[in-house]
Amino acid sequence: MKNRYQHRACYMEGWYEMEEQKLLSSTVDEFIFEDPRESAPVNRKQLGGYMRRWDAWTRSEGASNLWKLDYEVRQDKEGLLTDWEWWELTGTDIRGMAFVVTSDRGVVIEKIAYFDRKIYNP
């Protein structure tokens, strides 16, 4: 049985590899993904479709799915692993922050926000 660290690692691999099964196997049934570009939160059943929309959009902006993560903060408290991180898709202006909560059952929620390079450039 996987623990929260293993679920989180598998979830990240799913995004890096654009592998739907890895994403689904690392999330809980009540998983929610919030992206301000979407009209509503994405649930677990919708995650594969979201991943394909994300990939099509980012590739249309010149991304090759190479990520840079920085300013990572991690807290493991009371059975929940909480990660905050700055992310960028290299070669593009697509960047922002992510907030991810993972339990020993799997990833529970991810929320992302975008930052315009003209406004914020670390």
PDB file of N, CA and C in Angstrom:
ATOM      1  N   MET A   1       0.843  -1.190   0.000  1.00  0.00           N
ATOM      2  CA  MET A   1       0.000   0.000   0.000  1.00  0.00           C
ATOM      3  C   MET A   1       0.887   1.252   0.000  1.00  0.00           C
ATOM      4  N   LYS A   2       0.536   2.213  -0.850  1.00  0.00           N
ATOM      5  CA  LYS A   2       1.321   3.445  -0.954  1.00  0.00           C
ATOM      6  C   LYS A   2       1.046   4.380   0.215  1.00  0.00           C
ATOM      7  N   ASN A   3       2.060   5.151   0.582  1.00  0.00           N
ATOM      8  CA  ASN A   3       1.858   6.220   1.559  1.00  0.00           C
ATOM      9  C   ASN A   3       1.751   7.552   0.822  1.00  0.00           C
ATOM     10  N   ARG A   4       1.524   8.620   1.561  1.00  0.00           N
ATOM     11  CA  ARG A   4       1.290   9.928   0.942  1.00  0.00           C
ATOM     12  C   ARG A   4       2.469  10.400   0.089  1.00  0.00           C
ATOM     13  N   TYR A   5       3.699  10.079   0.483  1.00  0.00           N
ATOM     14  CA  TYR A   5       4.863  10.481  -0.301  1.00  0.00           C
ATOM     15  C   TYR A   5       4.895   9.740  -1.640  1.00  0.00           C
ATOM     16  N   GLN A   6       4.555   8.474  -1.619  1.00  0.00           N
ATOM     17  CA  GLN A   6       4.523   7.689  -2.849  1.00  0.00           C
ATOM     18  C   GLN A   6       3.387   8.132  -3.771  1.00  0.00           C
ATOM     19  N   HIS A   7       2.217   8.439  -3.191  1.00  0.00           N
ATOM     20  CA  HIS A   7       1.109   8.947  -4.004  1.00  0.00           C
ATOM     21  C   HIS A   7       1.495  10.270  -4.660  1.00  0.00           C
ATOM     22  N   ARG A   8       2.129  11.151  -3.900  1.00  0.00           N
ATOM     23  CA  ARG A   8       2.534  12.458  -4.432  1.00  0.00           C
ATOM     24  C   ARG A   8       3.552  12.284  -5.551  1.00  0.00           C
ATOM     25  N   ALA A   9       4.513  11.401  -5.369  1.00  0.00           N
ATOM     26  CA  ALA A   9       5.526  11.170  -6.405  1.00  0.00           C
ATOM     27  C   ALA A   9       4.881  10.601  -7.674  1.00  0.00           C
ATOM     28  N   CYS A  10       3.967   9.666  -7.524  1.00  0.00           N
ATOM     29  CA  CYS A  10       3.278   9.068  -8.672  1.00  0.00           C
ATOM     30  C   CYS A  10       2.439  10.120  -9.399  1.00  0.00           C
ATOM     31  N   TYR A  11       1.786  10.984  -8.642  1.00  0.00           N
ATOM     32  CA  TYR A  11       0.976  12.059  -9.219  1.00  0.00           C
ATOM     33  C   TYR A  11       1.854  12.979 -10.071  1.00  0.00           C
ATOM     34  N   MET A  12       3.014  13.361  -9.546  1.00  0.00           N
ATOM     35  CA  MET A  12       3.922  14.230 -10.297  1.00  0.00           C
ATOM     36  C   MET A  12       4.432  13.516 -11.551  1.00  0.00           C
ATOM     37  N   GLU A  13       4.760  12.238 -11.433  1.00  0.00           N
ATOM     38  CA  GLU A  13       5.190  11.486 -12.609  1.00  0.00           C
ATOM     39  C   GLU A  13       4.087  11.474 -13.668  1.00  0.00           C
ATOM     40  N   GLY A  14       2.848  11.344 -13.212  1.00  0.00           N
ATOM     41  CA  GLY A  14       1.730  11.370 -14.153  1.00  0.00           C
ATOM     42  C   GLY A  14       1.693  12.653 -14.960  1.00  0.00           C
ATOM     43  N   TRP A  15       1.941  13.784 -14.297  1.00  0.00           N
ATOM     44  CA  TRP A  15       1.965  15.060 -15.020  1.00  0.00           C
ATOM     45  C   TRP A  15       3.186  15.161 -15.922  1.00  0.00           C
ATOM     46  N   TYR A  16       4.360  14.775 -15.412  1.00  0.00           N
ATOM     47  CA  TYR A  16       5.575  14.853 -16.226  1.00  0.00           C
ATOM     48  C   TYR A  16       5.475  13.983 -17.471  1.00  0.00           C
ATOM     49  N   GLU A  17       4.867  12.811 -17.320  1.00  0.00           N
ATOM     50  CA  GLU A  17       4.774  11.853 -18.418  1.00  0.00           C
ATOM     51  C   GLU A  17       3.450  11.966 -19.189  1.00  0.00           C
ATOM     52  N   MET A  18       2.545  12.828 -18.736  1.00  0.00           N
ATOM     53  CA  MET A  18       1.211  12.958 -19.310  1.00  0.00           C
ATOM     54  C   MET A  18       0.558  11.582 -19.372  1.00  0.00           C
ATOM     55  N   GLU A  19       0.591  10.903 -18.241  1.00  0.00           N
ATOM     56  CA  GLU A  19       0.099   9.536 -18.119  1.00  0.00           C
ATOM     57  C   GLU A  19      -1.138   9.521 -17.226  1.00  0.00           C
ATOM     58  N   GLU A  20      -2.303   9.408 -17.853  1.00  0.00           N
ATOM     59  CA  GLU A  20      -3.578   9.468 -17.144  1.00  0.00           C
ATOM     60  C   GLU A  20      -3.699   8.415 -16.043  1.00  0.00           C
ATOM     61  N   GLN A  21      -3.265   7.194 -16.311  1.00  0.00           N
ATOM     62  CA  GLN A  21      -3.403   6.134 -15.307  1.00  0.00           C
ATOM     63  C   GLN A  21      -2.598   6.429 -14.048  1.00  0.00           C
ATOM     64  N   LYS A  22      -1.425   7.027 -14.196  1.00  0.00           N
ATOM     65  CA  LYS A  22      -0.639   7.397 -13.009  1.00  0.00           C
ATOM     66  C   LYS A  22      -1.373   8.462 -12.201  1.00  0.00           C
ATOM     67  N   LEU A  23      -1.963   9.431 -12.899  1.00  0.00           N
ATOM     68  CA  LEU A  23      -2.727  10.461 -12.190  1.00  0.00           C
ATOM     69  C   LEU A  23      -3.885   9.832 -11.424  1.00  0.00           C
ATOM     70  N   LEU A  24      -4.657   9.020 -12.110  1.00  0.00           N
ATOM     71  CA  LEU A  24      -5.837   8.429 -11.475  1.00  0.00           C
ATOM     72  C   LEU A  24      -5.465   7.498 -10.333  1.00  0.00           C
ATOM     73  N   SER A  25      -4.398   6.725 -10.493  1.00  0.00           N
ATOM     74  CA  SER A  25      -4.014   5.779  -9.443  1.00  0.00           C
ATOM     75  C   SER A  25      -3.478   6.475  -8.197  1.00  0.00           C
ATOM     76  N   SER A  26      -3.136   7.750  -8.322  1.00  0.00           N
ATOM     77  CA  SER A  26      -2.567   8.476  -7.181  1.00  0.00           C
ATOM     78  C   SER A  26      -3.567   9.429  -6.524  1.00  0.00           C
ATOM     79  N   THR A  27      -4.821   9.423  -6.966  1.00  0.00           N
ATOM     80  CA  THR A  27      -5.820  10.344  -6.415  1.00  0.00           C
ATOM     81  C   THR A  27      -6.925   9.590  -5.677  1.00  0.00           C
ATOM     82  N   VAL A  28      -7.571  10.289  -4.746  1.00  0.00           N
ATOM     83  CA  VAL A  28      -8.713   9.731  -4.028  1.00  0.00           C
ATOM     84  C   VAL A  28      -9.973   9.907  -4.881  1.00  0.00           C
ATOM     85  N   ASP A  29     -11.007   9.140  -4.562  1.00  0.00           N
ATOM     86  CA  ASP A  29     -12.253   9.221  -5.334  1.00  0.00           C
ATOM     87  C   ASP A  29     -12.841  10.632  -5.329  1.00  0.00           C
ATOM     88  N   GLU A  30     -12.694  11.353  -4.221  1.00  0.00           N
ATOM     89  CA  GLU A  30     -13.273  12.695  -4.097  1.00  0.00           C
ATOM     90  C   GLU A  30     -12.305  13.803  -4.517  1.00  0.00           C
ATOM     91  N   PHE A  31     -11.262  13.449  -5.267  1.00  0.00           N
ATOM     92  CA  PHE A  31     -10.249  14.393  -5.739  1.00  0.00           C
ATOM     93  C   PHE A  31     -10.880  15.584  -6.460  1.00  0.00           C
ATOM     94  N   ILE A  32     -10.285  16.753  -6.237  1.00  0.00           N
ATOM     95  CA  ILE A  32     -10.695  17.993  -6.908  1.00  0.00           C
ATOM     96  C   ILE A  32      -9.446  18.725  -7.398  1.00  0.00           C
ATOM     97  N   PHE A  33      -9.505  19.231  -8.632  1.00  0.00           N
ATOM     98  CA  PHE A  33      -8.444  20.058  -9.206  1.00  0.00           C
ATOM     99  C   PHE A  33      -9.074  21.391  -9.568  1.00  0.00           C
ATOM    100  N   GLU A  34      -8.475  22.468  -9.080  1.00  0.00           N
ATOM    101  CA  GLU A  34      -9.001  23.802  -9.396  1.00  0.00           C
ATOM    102  C   GLU A  34      -7.984  24.582 -10.216  1.00  0.00           C
ATOM    103  N   ASP A  35      -8.426  25.011 -11.381  1.00  0.00           N
ATOM    104  CA  ASP A  35      -7.634  25.790 -12.317  1.00  0.00           C
ATOM    105  C   ASP A  35      -8.503  26.973 -12.726  1.00  0.00           C
ATOM    106  N   PRO A  36      -8.053  28.203 -12.540  1.00  0.00           N
ATOM    107  CA  PRO A  36      -8.899  29.352 -12.888  1.00  0.00           C
ATOM    108  C   PRO A  36      -9.252  29.434 -14.369  1.00  0.00           C
ATOM    109  N   ARG A  37      -8.573  28.693 -15.224  1.00  0.00           N
ATOM    110  CA  ARG A  37      -8.923  28.662 -16.644  1.00  0.00           C
ATOM    111  C   ARG A  37     -10.139  27.792 -16.905  1.00  0.00           C
ATOM    112  N   GLU A  38     -10.498  26.939 -15.954  1.00  0.00           N
ATOM    113  CA  GLU A  38     -11.653  26.052 -16.100  1.00  0.00           C
ATOM    114  C   GLU A  38     -12.889  26.732 -15.518  1.00  0.00           C
ATOM    115  N   SER A  39     -14.048  26.434 -16.069  1.00  0.00           N
ATOM    116  CA  SER A  39     -15.284  27.063 -15.595  1.00  0.00           C
ATOM    117  C   SER A  39     -15.764  26.496 -14.263  1.00  0.00           C
ATOM    118  N   ALA A  40     -15.277  25.310 -13.900  1.00  0.00           N
ATOM    119  CA  ALA A  40     -15.669  24.667 -12.638  1.00  0.00           C
ATOM    120  C   ALA A  40     -14.532  23.759 -12.198  1.00  0.00           C
ATOM    121  N   PRO A  41     -14.501  23.394 -10.921  1.00  0.00           N
ATOM    122  CA  PRO A  41     -13.483  22.447 -10.464  1.00  0.00           C
ATOM    123  C   PRO A  41     -13.578  21.125 -11.245  1.00  0.00           C
ATOM    124  N   VAL A  42     -12.440  20.495 -11.436  1.00  0.00           N
ATOM    125  CA  VAL A  42     -12.335  19.233 -12.154  1.00  0.00           C
ATOM    126  C   VAL A  42     -12.325  18.100 -11.127  1.00  0.00           C
ATOM    127  N   ASN A  43     -13.210  17.115 -11.303  1.00  0.00           N
ATOM    128  CA  ASN A  43     -13.192  15.985 -10.377  1.00  0.00           C
ATOM    129  C   ASN A  43     -12.347  14.852 -10.968  1.00  0.00           C
ATOM    130  N   ARG A  44     -12.238  13.777 -10.222  1.00  0.00           N
ATOM    131  CA  ARG A  44     -11.383  12.658 -10.632  1.00  0.00           C
ATOM    132  C   ARG A  44     -11.807  12.085 -11.986  1.00  0.00           C
ATOM    133  N   LYS A  45     -13.088  11.940 -12.216  1.00  0.00           N
ATOM    134  CA  LYS A  45     -13.574  11.382 -13.481  1.00  0.00           C
ATOM    135  C   LYS A  45     -13.247  12.280 -14.671  1.00  0.00           C
ATOM    136  N   GLN A  46     -13.088  13.577 -14.428  1.00  0.00           N
ATOM    137  CA  GLN A  46     -12.811  14.544 -15.494  1.00  0.00           C
ATOM    138  C   GLN A  46     -11.321  14.813 -15.674  1.00  0.00           C
ATOM    139  N   LEU A  47     -10.501  14.225 -14.827  1.00  0.00           N
ATOM    140  CA  LEU A  47      -9.076  14.559 -14.803  1.00  0.00           C
ATOM    141  C   LEU A  47      -8.366  14.232 -16.122  1.00  0.00           C
ATOM    142  N   GLY A  48      -8.673  13.093 -16.735  1.00  0.00           N
ATOM    143  CA  GLY A  48      -8.039  12.747 -18.011  1.00  0.00           C
ATOM    144  C   GLY A  48      -8.339  13.766 -19.098  1.00  0.00           C
ATOM    145  N   GLY A  49      -9.589  14.189 -19.186  1.00  0.00           N
ATOM    146  CA  GLY A  49      -9.954  15.212 -20.159  1.00  0.00           C
ATOM    147  C   GLY A  49      -9.259  16.531 -19.894  1.00  0.00           C
ATOM    148  N   TYR A  50      -9.176  16.894 -18.614  1.00  0.00           N
ATOM    149  CA  TYR A  50      -8.462  18.118 -18.248  1.00  0.00           C
ATOM    150  C   TYR A  50      -6.999  18.013 -18.666  1.00  0.00           C
ATOM    151  N   MET A  51      -6.370  16.884 -18.373  1.00  0.00           N
ATOM    152  CA  MET A  51      -4.964  16.701 -18.712  1.00  0.00           C
ATOM    153  C   MET A  51      -4.745  16.886 -20.218  1.00  0.00           C
ATOM    154  N   ARG A  52      -5.634  16.347 -21.042  1.00  0.00           N
ATOM    155  CA  ARG A  52      -5.501  16.496 -22.490  1.00  0.00           C
ATOM    156  C   ARG A  52      -5.712  17.953 -22.925  1.00  0.00           C
ATOM    157  N   ARG A  53      -6.681  18.658 -22.300  1.00  0.00           N
ATOM    158  CA  ARG A  53      -6.883  20.088 -22.619  1.00  0.00           C
ATOM    159  C   ARG A  53      -5.650  20.887 -22.230  1.00  0.00           C
ATOM    160  N   TRP A  54      -5.119  20.611 -21.052  1.00  0.00           N
ATOM    161  CA  TRP A  54      -3.913  21.297 -20.560  1.00  0.00           C
ATOM    162  C   TRP A  54      -2.757  21.089 -21.542  1.00  0.00           C
ATOM    163  N   ASP A  55      -2.535  19.843 -21.948  1.00  0.00           N
ATOM    164  CA  ASP A  55      -1.430  19.522 -22.845  1.00  0.00           C
ATOM    165  C   ASP A  55      -1.602  20.242 -24.184  1.00  0.00           C
ATOM    166  N   ALA A  56      -2.807  20.230 -24.748  1.00  0.00           N
ATOM    167  CA  ALA A  56      -3.057  20.907 -26.027  1.00  0.00           C
ATOM    168  C   ALA A  56      -2.812  22.413 -25.890  1.00  0.00           C
ATOM    169  N   TRP A  57      -3.305  23.019 -24.813  1.00  0.00           N
ATOM    170  CA  TRP A  57      -3.128  24.455 -24.607  1.00  0.00           C
ATOM    171  C   TRP A  57      -1.658  24.815 -24.432  1.00  0.00           C
ATOM    172  N   THR A  58      -0.959  24.102 -23.545  1.00  0.00           N
ATOM    173  CA  THR A  58       0.434  24.466 -23.276  1.00  0.00           C
ATOM    174  C   THR A  58       1.307  24.241 -24.506  1.00  0.00           C
ATOM    175  N   ARG A  59       1.037  23.192 -25.257  1.00  0.00           N
ATOM    176  CA  ARG A  59       1.823  22.962 -26.480  1.00  0.00           C
ATOM    177  C   ARG A  59       1.538  24.051 -27.523  1.00  0.00           C
ATOM    178  N   SER A  60       0.299  24.551 -27.567  1.00  0.00           N
ATOM    179  CA  SER A  60      -0.013  25.646 -28.497  1.00  0.00           C
ATOM    180  C   SER A  60       0.716  26.927 -28.108  1.00  0.00           C
ATOM    181  N   GLU A  61       1.141  26.996 -26.852  1.00  0.00           N
ATOM    182  CA  GLU A  61       1.909  28.152 -26.365  1.00  0.00           C
ATOM    183  C   GLU A  61       3.418  27.922 -26.460  1.00  0.00           C
ATOM    184  N   GLY A  62       3.827  26.773 -27.006  1.00  0.00           N
ATOM    185  CA  GLY A  62       5.245  26.490 -27.211  1.00  0.00           C
ATOM    186  C   GLY A  62       5.893  25.622 -26.148  1.00  0.00           C
ATOM    187  N   ALA A  63       5.120  25.097 -25.216  1.00  0.00           N
ATOM    188  CA  ALA A  63       5.683  24.256 -24.154  1.00  0.00           C
ATOM    189  C   ALA A  63       5.957  22.851 -24.674  1.00  0.00           C
ATOM    190  N   SER A  64       6.933  22.205 -24.066  1.00  0.00           N
ATOM    191  CA  SER A  64       7.243  20.814 -24.408  1.00  0.00           C
ATOM    192  C   SER A  64       7.090  19.923 -23.179  1.00  0.00           C
ATOM    193  N   ASN A  65       6.335  20.384 -22.193  1.00  0.00           N
ATOM    194  CA  ASN A  65       6.079  19.668 -20.949  1.00  0.00           C
ATOM    195  C   ASN A  65       7.336  19.489 -20.100  1.00  0.00           C
ATOM    196  N   LEU A  66       8.287  20.403 -20.249  1.00  0.00           N
ATOM    197  CA  LEU A  66       9.442  20.435 -19.359  1.00  0.00           C
ATOM    198  C   LEU A  66       9.144  21.449 -18.267  1.00  0.00           C
ATOM    199  N   TRP A  67       9.206  20.983 -17.020  1.00  0.00           N
ATOM    200  CA  TRP A  67       8.815  21.796 -15.874  1.00  0.00           C
ATOM    201  C   TRP A  67      10.016  22.266 -15.081  1.00  0.00           C
ATOM    202  N   LYS A  68       9.869  23.425 -14.505  1.00  0.00           N
ATOM    203  CA  LYS A  68      10.827  23.915 -13.514  1.00  0.00           C
ATOM    204  C   LYS A  68      10.021  24.174 -12.247  1.00  0.00           C
ATOM    205  N   LEU A  69      10.383  23.512 -11.169  1.00  0.00           N
ATOM    206  CA  LEU A  69       9.746  23.747  -9.870  1.00  0.00           C
ATOM    207  C   LEU A  69      10.741  24.453  -8.979  1.00  0.00           C
ATOM    208  N   ASP A  70      10.263  25.409  -8.228  1.00  0.00           N
ATOM    209  CA  ASP A  70      11.139  26.206  -7.374  1.00  0.00           C
ATOM    210  C   ASP A  70      10.354  26.666  -6.154  1.00  0.00           C
ATOM    211  N   TYR A  71      11.049  27.181  -5.180  1.00  0.00           N
ATOM    212  CA  TYR A  71      10.433  27.724  -3.972  1.00  0.00           C
ATOM    213  C   TYR A  71       9.446  26.733  -3.356  1.00  0.00           C
ATOM    214  N   GLU A  72       9.861  25.477  -3.285  1.00  0.00           N
ATOM    215  CA  GLU A  72       8.976  24.436  -2.765  1.00  0.00           C
ATOM    216  C   GLU A  72       8.955  24.458  -1.238  1.00  0.00           C
ATOM    217  N   VAL A  73       7.765  24.342  -0.692  1.00  0.00           N
ATOM    218  CA  VAL A  73       7.569  24.251   0.751  1.00  0.00           C
ATOM    219  C   VAL A  73       6.710  23.022   1.003  1.00  0.00           C
ATOM    220  N   ARG A  74       7.110  22.190   1.947  1.00  0.00           N
ATOM    221  CA  ARG A  74       6.374  20.965   2.237  1.00  0.00           C
ATOM    222  C   ARG A  74       6.134  20.869   3.740  1.00  0.00           C
ATOM    223  N   GLN A  75       4.918  20.477   4.084  1.00  0.00           N
ATOM    224  CA  GLN A  75       4.551  20.259   5.480  1.00  0.00           C
ATOM    225  C   GLN A  75       3.851  18.905   5.583  1.00  0.00           C
ATOM    226  N   ASP A  76       4.297  18.094   6.514  1.00  0.00           N
ATOM    227  CA  ASP A  76       3.659  16.805   6.786  1.00  0.00           C
ATOM    228  C   ASP A  76       3.126  16.889   8.209  1.00  0.00           C
ATOM    229  N   LYS A  77       1.811  17.003   8.313  1.00  0.00           N
ATOM    230  CA  LYS A  77       1.201  17.220   9.615  1.00  0.00           C
ATOM    231  C   LYS A  77      -0.120  16.466   9.702  1.00  0.00           C
ATOM    232  N   GLU A  78      -0.286  15.725  10.763  1.00  0.00           N
ATOM    233  CA  GLU A  78      -1.528  15.014  11.057  1.00  0.00           C
ATOM    234  C   GLU A  78      -1.997  14.151   9.884  1.00  0.00           C
ATOM    235  N   GLY A  79      -1.053  13.479   9.230  1.00  0.00           N
ATOM    236  CA  GLY A  79      -1.397  12.557   8.153  1.00  0.00           C
ATOM    237  C   GLY A  79      -1.643  13.193   6.802  1.00  0.00           C
ATOM    238  N   LEU A  80      -1.435  14.503   6.692  1.00  0.00           N
ATOM    239  CA  LEU A  80      -1.601  15.193   5.407  1.00  0.00           C
ATOM    240  C   LEU A  80      -0.280  15.814   4.978  1.00  0.00           C
ATOM    241  N   LEU A  81       0.081  15.558   3.748  1.00  0.00           N
ATOM    242  CA  LEU A  81       1.266  16.143   3.144  1.00  0.00           C
ATOM    243  C   LEU A  81       0.790  17.319   2.304  1.00  0.00           C
ATOM    244  N   THR A  82       1.255  18.506   2.641  1.00  0.00           N
ATOM    245  CA  THR A  82       0.850  19.714   1.921  1.00  0.00           C
ATOM    246  C   THR A  82       2.075  20.302   1.235  1.00  0.00           C
ATOM    247  N   ASP A  83       1.949  20.528  -0.060  1.00  0.00           N
ATOM    248  CA  ASP A  83       3.031  21.105  -0.859  1.00  0.00           C
ATOM    249  C   ASP A  83       2.570  22.425  -1.462  1.00  0.00           C
ATOM    250  N   TRP A  84       3.461  23.404  -1.424  1.00  0.00           N
ATOM    251  CA  TRP A  84       3.285  24.672  -2.125  1.00  0.00           C
ATOM    252  C   TRP A  84       4.517  24.827  -2.995  1.00  0.00           C
ATOM    253  N   GLU A  85       4.338  25.269  -4.233  1.00  0.00           N
ATOM    254  CA  GLU A  85       5.497  25.432  -5.094  1.00  0.00           C
ATOM    255  C   GLU A  85       5.226  26.414  -6.228  1.00  0.00           C
ATOM    256  N   TRP A  86       6.292  27.056  -6.657  1.00  0.00           N
ATOM    257  CA  TRP A  86       6.289  27.872  -7.851  1.00  0.00           C
ATOM    258  C   TRP A  86       6.606  26.929  -9.012  1.00  0.00           C
ATOM    259  N   TRP A  87       5.848  27.021 -10.107  1.00  0.00           N
ATOM    260  CA  TRP A  87       6.098  26.172 -11.266  1.00  0.00           C
ATOM    261  C   TRP A  87       6.174  27.007 -12.531  1.00  0.00           C
ATOM    262  N   GLU A  88       6.938  26.515 -13.475  1.00  0.00           N
ATOM    263  CA  GLU A  88       7.048  27.150 -14.786  1.00  0.00           C
ATOM    264  C   GLU A  88       7.132  26.061 -15.846  1.00  0.00           C
ATOM    265  N   LEU A  89       6.531  26.309 -16.985  1.00  0.00           N
ATOM    266  CA  LEU A  89       6.749  25.463 -18.155  1.00  0.00           C
ATOM    267  C   LEU A  89       7.843  26.143 -18.968  1.00  0.00           C
ATOM    268  N   THR A  90       9.006  25.516 -19.019  1.00  0.00           N
ATOM    269  CA  THR A  90      10.154  26.159 -19.647  1.00  0.00           C
ATOM    270  C   THR A  90       9.868  26.460 -21.111  1.00  0.00           C
ATOM    271  N   GLY A  91      10.418  27.582 -21.556  1.00  0.00           N
ATOM    272  CA  GLY A  91      10.230  28.017 -22.927  1.00  0.00           C
ATOM    273  C   GLY A  91       8.946  28.791 -23.161  1.00  0.00           C
ATOM    274  N   THR A  92       8.176  29.042 -22.088  1.00  0.00           N
ATOM    275  CA  THR A  92       6.915  29.781 -22.212  1.00  0.00           C
ATOM    276  C   THR A  92       6.810  30.804 -21.086  1.00  0.00           C
ATOM    277  N   ASP A  93       5.770  31.593 -21.149  1.00  0.00           N
ATOM    278  CA  ASP A  93       5.445  32.499 -20.048  1.00  0.00           C
ATOM    279  C   ASP A  93       4.405  31.883 -19.115  1.00  0.00           C
ATOM    280  N   ILE A  94       4.138  30.589 -19.245  1.00  0.00           N
ATOM    281  CA  ILE A  94       3.165  29.914 -18.393  1.00  0.00           C
ATOM    282  C   ILE A  94       3.838  29.545 -17.087  1.00  0.00           C
ATOM    283  N   ARG A  95       3.348  30.153 -16.004  1.00  0.00           N
ATOM    284  CA  ARG A  95       3.947  29.953 -14.684  1.00  0.00           C
ATOM    285  C   ARG A  95       2.929  30.289 -13.613  1.00  0.00           C
ATOM    286  N   GLY A  96       3.185  29.810 -12.418  1.00  0.00           N
ATOM    287  CA  GLY A  96       2.272  30.111 -11.321  1.00  0.00           C
ATOM    288  C   GLY A  96       2.615  29.353 -10.062  1.00  0.00           C
ATOM    289  N   MET A  97       1.638  29.241  -9.195  1.00  0.00           N
ATOM    290  CA  MET A  97       1.794  28.549  -7.926  1.00  0.00           C
ATOM    291  C   MET A  97       0.845  27.357  -7.886  1.00  0.00           C
ATOM    292  N   ALA A  98       1.255  26.332  -7.126  1.00  0.00           N
ATOM    293  CA  ALA A  98       0.410  25.149  -6.932  1.00  0.00           C
ATOM    294  C   ALA A  98       0.331  24.844  -5.446  1.00  0.00           C
ATOM    295  N   PHE A  99      -0.822  24.357  -5.037  1.00  0.00           N
ATOM    296  CA  PHE A  99      -1.095  23.920  -3.672  1.00  0.00           C
ATOM    297  C   PHE A  99      -1.668  22.519  -3.796  1.00  0.00           C
ATOM    298  N   VAL A 100      -1.004  21.527  -3.179  1.00  0.00           N
ATOM    299  CA  VAL A 100      -1.427  20.136  -3.315  1.00  0.00           C
ATOM    300  C   VAL A 100      -1.477  19.494  -1.930  1.00  0.00           C
ATOM    301  N   VAL A 101      -2.591  18.810  -1.641  1.00  0.00           N
ATOM    302  CA  VAL A 101      -2.745  18.093  -0.376  1.00  0.00           C
ATOM    303  C   VAL A 101      -2.888  16.611  -0.689  1.00  0.00           C
ATOM    304  N   THR A 102      -2.080  15.796   0.012  1.00  0.00           N
ATOM    305  CA  THR A 102      -2.071  14.350  -0.215  1.00  0.00           C
ATOM    306  C   THR A 102      -2.201  13.622   1.112  1.00  0.00           C
ATOM    307  N   SER A 103      -3.079  12.627   1.141  1.00  0.00           N
ATOM    308  CA  SER A 103      -3.222  11.761   2.313  1.00  0.00           C
ATOM    309  C   SER A 103      -2.618  10.397   1.974  1.00  0.00           C
ATOM    310  N   ASP A 104      -2.644   9.476   2.921  1.00  0.00           N
ATOM    311  CA  ASP A 104      -2.157   8.128   2.648  1.00  0.00           C
ATOM    312  C   ASP A 104      -3.075   7.377   1.693  1.00  0.00           C
ATOM    313  N   ARG A 105      -4.251   7.927   1.403  1.00  0.00           N
ATOM    314  CA  ARG A 105      -5.166   7.344   0.412  1.00  0.00           C
ATOM    315  C   ARG A 105      -4.882   7.873  -0.991  1.00  0.00           C
ATOM    316  N   GLY A 106      -4.238   9.040  -1.097  1.00  0.00           N
ATOM    317  CA  GLY A 106      -3.925   9.632  -2.394  1.00  0.00           C
ATOM    318  C   GLY A 106      -4.036  11.143  -2.369  1.00  0.00           C
ATOM    319  N   VAL A 107      -3.806  11.755  -3.527  1.00  0.00           N
ATOM    320  CA  VAL A 107      -3.908  13.205  -3.652  1.00  0.00           C
ATOM    321  C   VAL A 107      -5.374  13.590  -3.518  1.00  0.00           C
ATOM    322  N   VAL A 108      -5.634  14.564  -2.648  1.00  0.00           N
ATOM    323  CA  VAL A 108      -6.998  14.992  -2.341  1.00  0.00           C
ATOM    324  C   VAL A 108      -7.397  16.200  -3.179  1.00  0.00           C
ATOM    325  N   ILE A 109      -6.489  17.162  -3.286  1.00  0.00           N
ATOM    326  CA  ILE A 109      -6.815  18.407  -3.993  1.00  0.00           C
ATOM    327  C   ILE A 109      -5.549  19.033  -4.557  1.00  0.00           C
ATOM    328  N   GLU A 110      -5.705  19.663  -5.697  1.00  0.00           N
ATOM    329  CA  GLU A 110      -4.669  20.547  -6.224  1.00  0.00           C
ATOM    330  C   GLU A 110      -5.361  21.811  -6.693  1.00  0.00           C
ATOM    331  N   LYS A 111      -4.763  22.932  -6.325  1.00  0.00           N
ATOM    332  CA  LYS A 111      -5.226  24.242  -6.787  1.00  0.00           C
ATOM    333  C   LYS A 111      -4.035  24.938  -7.411  1.00  0.00           C
ATOM    334  N   ILE A 112      -4.256  25.523  -8.585  1.00  0.00           N
ATOM    335  CA  ILE A 112      -3.174  26.268  -9.214  1.00  0.00           C
ATOM    336  C   ILE A 112      -3.621  27.704  -9.473  1.00  0.00           C
ATOM    337  N   ALA A 113      -2.636  28.569  -9.559  1.00  0.00           N
ATOM    338  CA  ALA A 113      -2.855  29.970  -9.912  1.00  0.00           C
ATOM    339  C   ALA A 113      -1.791  30.336 -10.932  1.00  0.00           C
ATOM    340  N   TYR A 114      -2.103  31.276 -11.790  1.00  0.00           N
ATOM    341  CA  TYR A 114      -1.178  31.718 -12.825  1.00  0.00           C
ATOM    342  C   TYR A 114      -0.661  33.112 -12.487  1.00  0.00           C
ATOM    343  N   PHE A 115       0.574  33.370 -12.898  1.00  0.00           N
ATOM    344  CA  PHE A 115       1.179  34.684 -12.750  1.00  0.00           C
ATOM    345  C   PHE A 115       1.677  35.129 -14.109  1.00  0.00           C
ATOM    346  N   ASP A 116       1.358  36.338 -14.473  1.00  0.00           N
ATOM    347  CA  ASP A 116       1.815  36.907 -15.734  1.00  0.00           C
ATOM    348  C   ASP A 116       3.246  37.385 -15.548  1.00  0.00           C
ATOM    349  N   ARG A 117       4.126  36.998 -16.463  1.00  0.00           N
ATOM    350  CA  ARG A 117       5.551  37.362 -16.355  1.00  0.00           C
ATOM    351  C   ARG A 117       5.733  38.877 -16.275  1.00  0.00           C
ATOM    352  N   LYS A 118       4.869  39.610 -16.918  1.00  0.00           N
ATOM    353  CA  LYS A 118       4.990  41.075 -16.876  1.00  0.00           C
ATOM    354  C   LYS A 118       4.723  41.611 -15.486  1.00  0.00           C
ATOM    355  N   ILE A 119       3.933  40.864 -14.718  1.00  0.00           N
ATOM    356  CA  ILE A 119       3.584  41.305 -13.371  1.00  0.00           C
ATOM    357  C   ILE A 119       4.547  40.765 -12.335  1.00  0.00           C
ATOM    358  N   TYR A 120       4.938  39.499 -12.487  1.00  0.00           N
ATOM    359  CA  TYR A 120       5.759  38.865 -11.480  1.00  0.00           C
ATOM    360  C   TYR A 120       6.832  38.027 -12.154  1.00  0.00           C
ATOM    361  N   ASN A 121       8.089  38.329 -11.922  1.00  0.00           N
ATOM    362  CA  ASN A 121       9.198  37.591 -12.508  1.00  0.00           C
ATOM    363  C   ASN A 121      10.256  37.361 -11.439  1.00  0.00           C
ATOM    364  N   PRO A 122      10.214  36.189 -10.766  1.00  0.00           N
ATOM    365  CA  PRO A 122      11.191  35.940  -9.684  1.00  0.00           C
ATOM    366  C   PRO A 122      12.604  35.815 -10.191  1.00  0.00           C
TER     367      PRO A 122
END
